Protein backbone atom coordinates (compact mmCIF):
# COMPACT_ATOMS: atom_id res chain seq x y z
CA UNK A 1 -26.73 -29.56 2.06
CA UNK A 2 -29.65 -28.25 4.06
CA UNK A 3 -29.28 -24.49 4.39
CA UNK A 4 -32.85 -23.35 5.12
CA UNK A 5 -35.96 -25.05 6.46
CA UNK A 6 -39.44 -24.41 7.82
CA UNK A 7 -41.54 -25.13 10.88
CA UNK A 8 -44.75 -23.47 9.82
CA UNK A 9 -47.05 -25.76 11.85
CA UNK A 10 -45.58 -25.78 15.37
CA UNK A 11 -48.97 -26.54 16.93
CA UNK A 12 -49.07 -29.85 15.02
CA UNK A 13 -45.59 -30.64 16.29
CA UNK A 14 -46.50 -29.91 19.91
CA UNK A 15 -49.60 -32.09 19.69
CA UNK A 16 -47.35 -35.01 18.72
CA UNK A 17 -44.84 -34.47 21.53
CA UNK A 18 -46.79 -35.60 24.56
CA UNK A 19 -43.70 -37.24 26.06
CA UNK A 20 -41.71 -33.98 25.97
CA UNK A 21 -41.69 -32.00 29.21
CA UNK A 22 -42.14 -28.22 29.68
CA UNK A 23 -43.07 -27.37 26.11
CA UNK A 24 -42.55 -23.70 25.26
CA UNK A 25 -44.75 -21.70 22.93
CA UNK A 26 -43.46 -21.72 19.36
CA UNK A 27 -44.11 -19.28 16.55
CA UNK A 28 -44.54 -20.38 12.95
CA UNK A 29 -41.25 -20.17 11.02
CA UNK A 30 -41.09 -20.11 7.23
CA UNK A 31 -37.39 -19.50 6.59
CA UNK A 32 -35.11 -20.75 9.35
CA UNK A 33 -31.51 -19.85 8.50
CA UNK A 34 -28.05 -20.54 9.97
CA UNK A 35 -27.13 -18.53 13.12
CA UNK A 36 -30.82 -18.28 14.05
CA UNK A 37 -32.36 -20.07 17.04
CA UNK A 38 -34.67 -22.99 16.31
CA UNK A 39 -36.31 -25.81 18.31
CA UNK A 40 -34.62 -29.16 18.81
CA UNK A 41 -35.64 -32.19 20.87
CA UNK A 42 -33.09 -33.96 23.04
CA UNK A 43 -32.79 -36.20 26.09
CA UNK A 44 -33.12 -33.98 29.16
CA UNK A 45 -29.92 -35.20 30.84
CA UNK A 46 -27.30 -37.98 30.97
CA UNK A 47 -29.31 -40.02 33.49
CA UNK A 48 -32.77 -39.04 32.28
CA UNK A 49 -35.23 -40.82 30.04
CA UNK A 50 -37.28 -37.65 29.60
CA UNK A 51 -37.10 -35.50 26.50
CA UNK A 52 -37.09 -31.73 26.30
CA UNK A 53 -37.58 -29.16 23.60
CA UNK A 54 -34.97 -26.39 23.58
CA UNK A 55 -34.12 -23.42 21.37
CA UNK A 56 -30.54 -23.64 20.07
CA UNK A 57 -28.55 -21.68 17.50
CA UNK A 58 -28.07 -23.33 14.11
CA UNK A 59 -24.38 -23.92 13.34
CA UNK A 60 -22.55 -26.31 15.66
CA UNK A 61 -19.73 -24.91 17.79
CA UNK A 62 -17.73 -27.84 19.26
CA UNK A 63 -17.02 -27.55 22.98
CA UNK A 64 -13.27 -27.38 22.28
CA UNK A 65 -13.41 -24.56 19.71
CA UNK A 66 -11.49 -21.35 20.45
CA UNK A 67 -13.79 -19.16 18.37
CA UNK A 68 -17.57 -19.62 18.08
CA UNK A 69 -17.50 -18.32 14.50
CA UNK A 70 -16.58 -21.88 13.47
CA UNK A 71 -20.30 -22.60 13.74
CA UNK A 72 -21.00 -20.52 10.63
CA UNK A 73 -19.62 -23.35 8.47
CA UNK A 74 -20.90 -26.25 10.60
CA UNK A 75 -24.58 -26.16 9.68
CA UNK A 76 -24.50 -29.69 8.22
CA UNK A 77 -22.68 -32.96 8.94
CA UNK A 78 -22.38 -35.84 6.47
CA UNK A 79 -24.11 -38.83 8.05
CA UNK A 80 -21.76 -41.32 6.43
CA UNK A 81 -18.68 -39.90 8.22
CA UNK A 82 -20.14 -38.13 11.25
CA UNK A 83 -18.65 -40.63 13.72
CA UNK A 84 -15.14 -40.04 12.36
CA UNK A 85 -14.86 -36.26 12.12
CA UNK A 86 -13.28 -34.52 15.15
CA UNK A 87 -15.79 -31.68 14.94
CA UNK A 88 -18.75 -34.04 15.36
CA UNK A 89 -17.40 -37.20 17.00
CA UNK A 90 -18.16 -36.27 20.61
CA UNK A 91 -21.66 -34.98 19.86
CA UNK A 92 -22.39 -38.08 17.78
CA UNK A 93 -21.73 -40.25 20.82
CA UNK A 94 -23.31 -38.11 23.53
CA UNK A 95 -25.44 -35.28 22.16
CA UNK A 96 -27.78 -36.37 19.42
CA UNK A 97 -31.00 -34.46 18.86
CA UNK A 98 -34.03 -34.12 16.62
CA UNK A 99 -34.40 -30.93 14.60
CA UNK A 100 -38.10 -30.12 14.25
CA UNK A 101 -39.23 -29.15 10.74
CA UNK A 102 -42.05 -29.45 8.24
CA UNK A 103 -40.15 -28.56 5.08
CA UNK A 104 -36.73 -27.67 3.72
CA UNK A 105 -35.39 -25.66 0.81
CA UNK A 106 -32.85 -26.58 -1.84
CA UNK A 107 -31.62 -24.43 -4.72
CA UNK A 108 -31.53 -25.90 -8.23
CA UNK A 109 -28.94 -24.49 -10.61
CA UNK A 110 -30.46 -23.02 -13.76
CA UNK A 111 -29.10 -21.19 -16.77
CA UNK A 112 -29.92 -17.86 -15.16
CA UNK A 113 -28.95 -18.59 -11.56
CA UNK A 114 -30.52 -20.73 -8.84
CA UNK A 115 -34.18 -21.59 -8.32
CA UNK A 116 -35.34 -22.35 -4.75
CA UNK A 117 -37.53 -25.41 -4.18
CA UNK A 118 -39.50 -26.37 -1.10
CA UNK A 119 -39.65 -30.05 -0.17
CA UNK A 120 -42.09 -31.41 2.41
CA UNK A 121 -44.19 -34.47 3.25
CA UNK A 122 -47.35 -34.97 1.23
CA UNK A 123 -49.19 -35.21 4.55
CA UNK A 124 -47.97 -31.67 5.42
CA UNK A 125 -47.07 -33.02 8.86
CA UNK A 126 -43.96 -31.96 10.80
CA UNK A 127 -41.03 -34.35 10.87
CA UNK A 128 -37.73 -34.82 12.65
CA UNK A 129 -34.30 -34.39 11.07
CA UNK A 130 -31.31 -36.09 12.68
CA UNK A 131 -29.11 -33.54 14.41
CA UNK A 132 -26.25 -33.10 16.84
CA UNK A 133 -25.82 -30.43 19.49
CA UNK A 134 -23.03 -29.13 21.68
CA UNK A 135 -22.41 -26.62 24.46
CA UNK A 136 -19.59 -24.06 24.21
CA UNK A 137 -18.51 -22.46 27.49
CA UNK A 138 -15.34 -20.52 26.66
CA UNK A 139 -17.01 -17.14 26.31
CA UNK A 140 -17.55 -14.50 28.98
CA UNK A 141 -21.33 -14.80 28.97
CA UNK A 142 -23.83 -17.64 29.09
CA UNK A 143 -22.92 -21.03 27.56
CA UNK A 144 -23.71 -21.20 23.86
CA UNK A 145 -25.75 -24.22 22.73
CA UNK A 146 -25.76 -24.98 19.02
CA UNK A 147 -26.80 -27.71 16.58
CA UNK A 148 -26.12 -29.13 13.15
CA UNK A 149 -28.27 -31.16 10.73
CA UNK A 150 -27.15 -34.49 9.29
CA UNK A 151 -27.36 -34.99 5.53
CA UNK A 152 -27.37 -38.07 3.33
CA UNK A 153 -27.76 -39.08 -0.31
CA UNK A 154 -30.94 -37.62 -1.83
CA UNK A 155 -33.98 -39.56 -2.94
CA UNK A 156 -34.99 -39.25 -6.58
CA UNK A 157 -37.26 -36.27 -5.88
CA UNK A 158 -34.72 -34.11 -4.04
CA UNK A 159 -31.96 -35.18 -6.44
CA UNK A 160 -33.60 -33.01 -9.10
CA UNK A 161 -32.43 -29.98 -7.10
CA UNK A 162 -29.43 -31.06 -5.00
CA UNK A 163 -26.98 -33.91 -4.36
CA UNK A 164 -27.69 -34.05 -0.60
CA UNK A 165 -30.78 -34.00 1.62
CA UNK A 166 -31.37 -33.98 5.39
CA UNK A 167 -31.69 -37.27 7.25
CA UNK A 168 -35.45 -37.45 7.91
CA UNK A 169 -36.40 -39.94 10.61
CA UNK A 170 -39.56 -41.97 11.04
CA UNK A 171 -40.95 -42.45 14.56
CA UNK A 172 -39.06 -45.69 15.24
CA UNK A 173 -35.81 -44.15 14.06
CA UNK A 174 -36.38 -41.07 16.24
CA UNK A 175 -36.46 -43.31 19.31
CA UNK A 176 -33.25 -45.04 18.19
CA UNK A 177 -31.48 -41.76 17.43
CA UNK A 178 -32.25 -40.45 20.93
CA UNK A 179 -31.35 -43.73 22.67
CA UNK A 180 -28.25 -42.98 24.80
CA UNK A 181 -27.20 -46.65 24.74
CA UNK A 182 -26.69 -46.53 20.97
CA UNK A 183 -23.42 -44.78 20.19
CA UNK A 184 -21.65 -46.42 17.25
CA UNK A 185 -22.03 -45.94 13.51
CA UNK A 186 -23.23 -49.53 13.11
CA UNK A 187 -26.25 -48.75 15.30
CA UNK A 188 -27.54 -46.19 12.84
CA UNK A 189 -26.81 -47.53 9.36
CA UNK A 190 -30.48 -47.86 8.40
CA UNK A 191 -31.13 -44.24 9.34
CA UNK A 192 -28.97 -42.91 6.52
CA UNK A 193 -31.34 -44.23 3.85
CA UNK A 194 -33.04 -41.31 2.09
CA UNK A 195 -36.65 -40.72 3.09
CA UNK A 196 -39.04 -42.27 0.51
CA UNK A 197 -39.65 -39.95 -2.41
CA UNK A 198 -43.23 -41.16 -2.87
CA UNK A 199 -44.12 -39.72 0.55
CA UNK A 200 -42.79 -36.27 -0.33
CA UNK A 201 -43.56 -33.40 -2.68
CA UNK A 202 -41.46 -30.55 -3.99
CA UNK A 203 -42.17 -27.39 -5.95
CA UNK A 204 -40.45 -24.11 -6.88
CA UNK A 205 -40.97 -21.07 -4.66
CA UNK A 206 -40.13 -17.40 -5.05
CA UNK A 207 -36.57 -16.10 -4.69
CA UNK A 208 -38.11 -14.05 -1.88
CA UNK A 209 -36.89 -16.89 0.33
CA UNK A 210 -33.27 -16.12 -0.59
CA UNK A 211 -33.22 -13.34 2.00
CA UNK A 212 -33.11 -14.90 5.49
CA UNK A 213 -34.81 -11.80 6.88
CA UNK A 214 -37.96 -12.83 5.01
CA UNK A 215 -39.88 -15.16 7.31
CA UNK A 216 -43.52 -15.01 6.21
CA UNK A 217 -46.04 -17.42 4.62
CA UNK A 218 -45.03 -16.04 1.22
CA UNK A 219 -41.85 -18.13 1.48
CA UNK A 220 -43.74 -21.42 1.13
CA UNK A 221 -46.21 -20.41 -1.57
CA UNK A 222 -45.79 -22.28 -4.89
CA UNK A 223 -44.16 -20.08 -7.51
CA UNK A 224 -46.47 -18.33 -9.93
CA UNK A 225 -45.36 -17.96 -13.54
CA UNK A 226 -44.92 -14.20 -13.21
CA UNK A 227 -42.66 -14.49 -10.14
CA UNK A 228 -39.00 -15.23 -9.69
């Protein structure tokens, strides 16, 4: 699964999003956790070719749900079955998005517990993870917009820590994922391939990252021998 991630270089992301309209200011994030708001990129509307960046809550709440707490367990969707599951089927057809990131954490089981690892591109550049979003309007207040991150089989690097990894998209695949005319599983088969391990790096970080309230540069620092 993907349960935490980073967007520590939002300025680099914004520089690469010239086609996105009305870009907001973004703060560096080092430990994005479920139920928190985070930036996603989506098509601006059903009849629009423009893209927009919006802040949505992590943990997808389907439009038909009676209780928004369902989102607490909907932070990930398996790419291989996303078009079949009732919770994700509608969003898969109509509400795909890109989740902006520049790293993600996985926890490796050890004899004494779990060791967090940070995985990122060797280039240190931001990347897009395949996501879905939805709008829930059954509450008394404003509509609630939420998202989930798609996962797939891990590459050989991430497999050392976990049996799943997020679907990381290259630029061509980002355009396909946001194409409203593509809406069947057969359109996206190539996207489920794990991102190449030789373009990524991973290293252990401090258990400081275990607490979602900790959102500082310390989260992404390589672990020193004296730390845990």
